[in-house]
Structures are given as C-alpha cells and as structure tokens.
Amino acid sequence: MVLGSEKKYLCLLCGMIIDNPDYCEYCGATSENIVPYEEE
C-alpha cells in the first residue's frame, strides 16, 4: 500500500483529521480553527 504525500489537517473544534485546510466538512469550521497535522 502506497501512502500519498498530501498534507493532512487537524480541526481544533471537532478533532477530526481532514484534507482541506480552509473548511472542515464535519463541523463547518473555517481556516482559523484548522492547523497542519503532522503524522509521525
């Protein structure tokens, strides 16, 4: 299985890991509540 290199983002409001840095599709948060997520 090959993992893509696209960045992930963390929504600070609902805690979901998302692909869009500008809008959370789960809770509707916008960019001020979304931060880059670093996978270890």
PDB file of N, CA and C in Angstrom:
ATOM      1  N   MET A   1       0.845  -1.196   0.000  1.00  0.00           N
ATOM      2  CA  MET A   1       0.000   0.000   0.000  1.00  0.00           C
ATOM      3  C   MET A   1       0.880   1.245   0.000  1.00  0.00           C
ATOM      4  N   VAL A   2       0.621   2.143  -0.941  1.00  0.00           N
ATOM      5  CA  VAL A   2       1.407   3.360  -1.064  1.00  0.00           C
ATOM      6  C   VAL A   2       0.598   4.524  -0.519  1.00  0.00           C
ATOM      7  N   LEU A   3       1.183   5.235   0.430  1.00  0.00           N
ATOM      8  CA  LEU A   3       0.502   6.386   1.005  1.00  0.00           C
ATOM      9  C   LEU A   3       0.825   7.627   0.191  1.00  0.00           C
ATOM     10  N   GLY A   4      -0.192   8.439  -0.057  1.00  0.00           N
ATOM     11  CA  GLY A   4       0.019   9.683  -0.780  1.00  0.00           C
ATOM     12  C   GLY A   4       0.758  10.682   0.084  1.00  0.00           C
ATOM     13  N   SER A   5       1.268  11.722  -0.536  1.00  0.00           N
ATOM     14  CA  SER A   5       2.032  12.722   0.207  1.00  0.00           C
ATOM     15  C   SER A   5       1.210  13.971   0.513  1.00  0.00           C
ATOM     16  N   GLU A   6      -0.108  13.883   0.301  1.00  0.00           N
ATOM     17  CA  GLU A   6      -0.928  15.067   0.575  1.00  0.00           C
ATOM     18  C   GLU A   6      -0.933  15.373   2.063  1.00  0.00           C
ATOM     19  N   LYS A   7      -0.962  16.657   2.384  1.00  0.00           N
ATOM     20  CA  LYS A   7      -0.959  17.043   3.788  1.00  0.00           C
ATOM     21  C   LYS A   7      -2.313  16.777   4.415  1.00  0.00           C
ATOM     22  N   LYS A   8      -2.271  16.523   5.713  1.00  0.00           N
ATOM     23  CA  LYS A   8      -3.495  16.384   6.486  1.00  0.00           C
ATOM     24  C   LYS A   8      -3.595  17.566   7.433  1.00  0.00           C
ATOM     25  N   TYR A   9      -4.795  17.858   7.855  1.00  0.00           N
ATOM     26  CA  TYR A   9      -5.038  18.986   8.748  1.00  0.00           C
ATOM     27  C   TYR A   9      -5.903  18.535   9.902  1.00  0.00           C
ATOM     28  N   LEU A  10      -5.720  19.176  11.046  1.00  0.00           N
ATOM     29  CA  LEU A  10      -6.474  18.859  12.251  1.00  0.00           C
ATOM     30  C   LEU A  10      -7.446  19.991  12.546  1.00  0.00           C
ATOM     31  N   CYS A  11      -8.712  19.628  12.704  1.00  0.00           N
ATOM     32  CA  CYS A  11      -9.704  20.625  13.101  1.00  0.00           C
ATOM     33  C   CYS A  11      -9.679  20.756  14.616  1.00  0.00           C
ATOM     34  N   LEU A  12      -9.441  21.977  15.083  1.00  0.00           N
ATOM     35  CA  LEU A  12      -9.346  22.198  16.527  1.00  0.00           C
ATOM     36  C   LEU A  12     -10.712  22.160  17.211  1.00  0.00           C
ATOM     37  N   LEU A  13     -11.786  22.325  16.447  1.00  0.00           N
ATOM     38  CA  LEU A  13     -13.114  22.333  17.050  1.00  0.00           C
ATOM     39  C   LEU A  13     -13.636  20.925  17.298  1.00  0.00           C
ATOM     40  N   CYS A  14     -13.526  20.052  16.286  1.00  0.00           N
ATOM     41  CA  CYS A  14     -14.098  18.713  16.453  1.00  0.00           C
ATOM     42  C   CYS A  14     -13.055  17.614  16.552  1.00  0.00           C
ATOM     43  N   GLY A  15     -11.776  17.943  16.267  1.00  0.00           N
ATOM     44  CA  GLY A  15     -10.711  16.961  16.416  1.00  0.00           C
ATOM     45  C   GLY A  15     -10.545  15.998  15.256  1.00  0.00           C
ATOM     46  N   MET A  16     -11.276  16.199  14.183  1.00  0.00           N
ATOM     47  CA  MET A  16     -11.175  15.300  13.038  1.00  0.00           C
ATOM     48  C   MET A  16      -9.955  15.637  12.189  1.00  0.00           C
ATOM     49  N   ILE A  17      -9.390  14.596  11.550  1.00  0.00           N
ATOM     50  CA  ILE A  17      -8.296  14.790  10.607  1.00  0.00           C
ATOM     51  C   ILE A  17      -8.923  14.963   9.228  1.00  0.00           C
ATOM     52  N   ILE A  18      -8.599  16.067   8.576  1.00  0.00           N
ATOM     53  CA  ILE A  18      -9.236  16.414   7.307  1.00  0.00           C
ATOM     54  C   ILE A  18      -8.194  16.737   6.243  1.00  0.00           C
ATOM     55  N   ASP A  19      -8.655  16.867   4.995  1.00  0.00           N
ATOM     56  CA  ASP A  19      -7.758  17.146   3.877  1.00  0.00           C
ATOM     57  C   ASP A  19      -7.758  18.609   3.463  1.00  0.00           C
ATOM     58  N   ASN A  20      -8.753  19.348   3.884  1.00  0.00           N
ATOM     59  CA  ASN A  20      -8.933  20.725   3.426  1.00  0.00           C
ATOM     60  C   ASN A  20      -8.528  21.708   4.520  1.00  0.00           C
ATOM     61  N   PRO A  21      -7.524  22.572   4.259  1.00  0.00           N
ATOM     62  CA  PRO A  21      -7.062  23.499   5.302  1.00  0.00           C
ATOM     63  C   PRO A  21      -8.002  24.682   5.532  1.00  0.00           C
ATOM     64  N   ASP A  22      -9.007  24.827   4.690  1.00  0.00           N
ATOM     65  CA  ASP A  22      -9.872  26.007   4.756  1.00  0.00           C
ATOM     66  C   ASP A  22     -11.266  25.737   5.303  1.00  0.00           C
ATOM     67  N   TYR A  23     -11.679  24.459   5.304  1.00  0.00           N
ATOM     68  CA  TYR A  23     -13.054  24.144   5.712  1.00  0.00           C
ATOM     69  C   TYR A  23     -13.130  22.716   6.240  1.00  0.00           C
ATOM     70  N   CYS A  24     -13.747  22.554   7.404  1.00  0.00           N
ATOM     71  CA  CYS A  24     -13.952  21.211   7.958  1.00  0.00           C
ATOM     72  C   CYS A  24     -15.316  20.706   7.521  1.00  0.00           C
ATOM     73  N   GLU A  25     -15.322  19.585   6.782  1.00  0.00           N
ATOM     74  CA  GLU A  25     -16.588  19.047   6.301  1.00  0.00           C
ATOM     75  C   GLU A  25     -17.403  18.374   7.401  1.00  0.00           C
ATOM     76  N   TYR A  26     -16.796  18.166   8.560  1.00  0.00           N
ATOM     77  CA  TYR A  26     -17.515  17.510   9.659  1.00  0.00           C
ATOM     78  C   TYR A  26     -18.288  18.494  10.522  1.00  0.00           C
ATOM     79  N   CYS A  27     -17.669  19.625  10.870  1.00  0.00           N
ATOM     80  CA  CYS A  27     -18.342  20.554  11.784  1.00  0.00           C
ATOM     81  C   CYS A  27     -18.499  21.958  11.210  1.00  0.00           C
ATOM     82  N   GLY A  28     -17.932  22.202  10.028  1.00  0.00           N
ATOM     83  CA  GLY A  28     -18.104  23.503   9.394  1.00  0.00           C
ATOM     84  C   GLY A  28     -17.098  24.564   9.818  1.00  0.00           C
ATOM     85  N   ALA A  29     -16.071  24.172  10.574  1.00  0.00           N
ATOM     86  CA  ALA A  29     -15.045  25.128  10.992  1.00  0.00           C
ATOM     87  C   ALA A  29     -14.314  25.684   9.772  1.00  0.00           C
ATOM     88  N   THR A  30     -13.804  26.903   9.911  1.00  0.00           N
ATOM     89  CA  THR A  30     -13.036  27.505   8.830  1.00  0.00           C
ATOM     90  C   THR A  30     -11.561  27.599   9.226  1.00  0.00           C
ATOM     91  N   SER A  31     -10.741  28.182   8.345  1.00  0.00           N
ATOM     92  CA  SER A  31      -9.286  28.084   8.451  1.00  0.00           C
ATOM     93  C   SER A  31      -8.706  28.521   9.788  1.00  0.00           C
ATOM     94  N   GLU A  32      -9.352  29.436  10.495  1.00  0.00           N
ATOM     95  CA  GLU A  32      -8.776  29.869  11.778  1.00  0.00           C
ATOM     96  C   GLU A  32      -8.810  28.770  12.842  1.00  0.00           C
ATOM     97  N   ASN A  33      -9.604  27.723  12.614  1.00  0.00           N
ATOM     98  CA  ASN A  33      -9.682  26.608  13.559  1.00  0.00           C
ATOM     99  C   ASN A  33      -9.044  25.333  13.029  1.00  0.00           C
ATOM    100  N   ILE A  34      -8.267  25.452  11.943  1.00  0.00           N
ATOM    101  CA  ILE A  34      -7.645  24.284  11.325  1.00  0.00           C
ATOM    102  C   ILE A  34      -6.134  24.490  11.281  1.00  0.00           C
ATOM    103  N   VAL A  35      -5.394  23.478  11.732  1.00  0.00           N
ATOM    104  CA  VAL A  35      -3.937  23.556  11.767  1.00  0.00           C
ATOM    105  C   VAL A  35      -3.339  22.357  11.037  1.00  0.00           C
ATOM    106  N   PRO A  36      -2.107  22.490  10.514  1.00  0.00           N
ATOM    107  CA  PRO A  36      -1.460  21.342   9.874  1.00  0.00           C
ATOM    108  C   PRO A  36      -1.305  20.187  10.850  1.00  0.00           C
ATOM    109  N   TYR A  37      -1.498  18.966  10.355  1.00  0.00           N
ATOM    110  CA  TYR A  37      -1.378  17.762  11.172  1.00  0.00           C
ATOM    111  C   TYR A  37      -0.156  16.995  10.714  1.00  0.00           C
ATOM    112  N   GLU A  38       0.756  16.748  11.638  1.00  0.00           N
ATOM    113  CA  GLU A  38       1.978  16.028  11.295  1.00  0.00           C
ATOM    114  C   GLU A  38       1.841  14.575  11.714  1.00  0.00           C
ATOM    115  N   GLU A  39       1.881  13.666  10.737  1.00  0.00           N
ATOM    116  CA  GLU A  39       1.816  12.247  11.054  1.00  0.00           C
ATOM    117  C   GLU A  39       3.206  11.760  11.420  1.00  0.00           C
ATOM    118  N   GLU A  40       3.296  11.022  12.520  1.00  0.00           N
ATOM    119  CA  GLU A  40       4.597  10.503  12.959  1.00  0.00           C
ATOM    120  C   GLU A  40       4.791   9.078  12.469  1.00  0.00           C
TER     121      GLU A  40
END
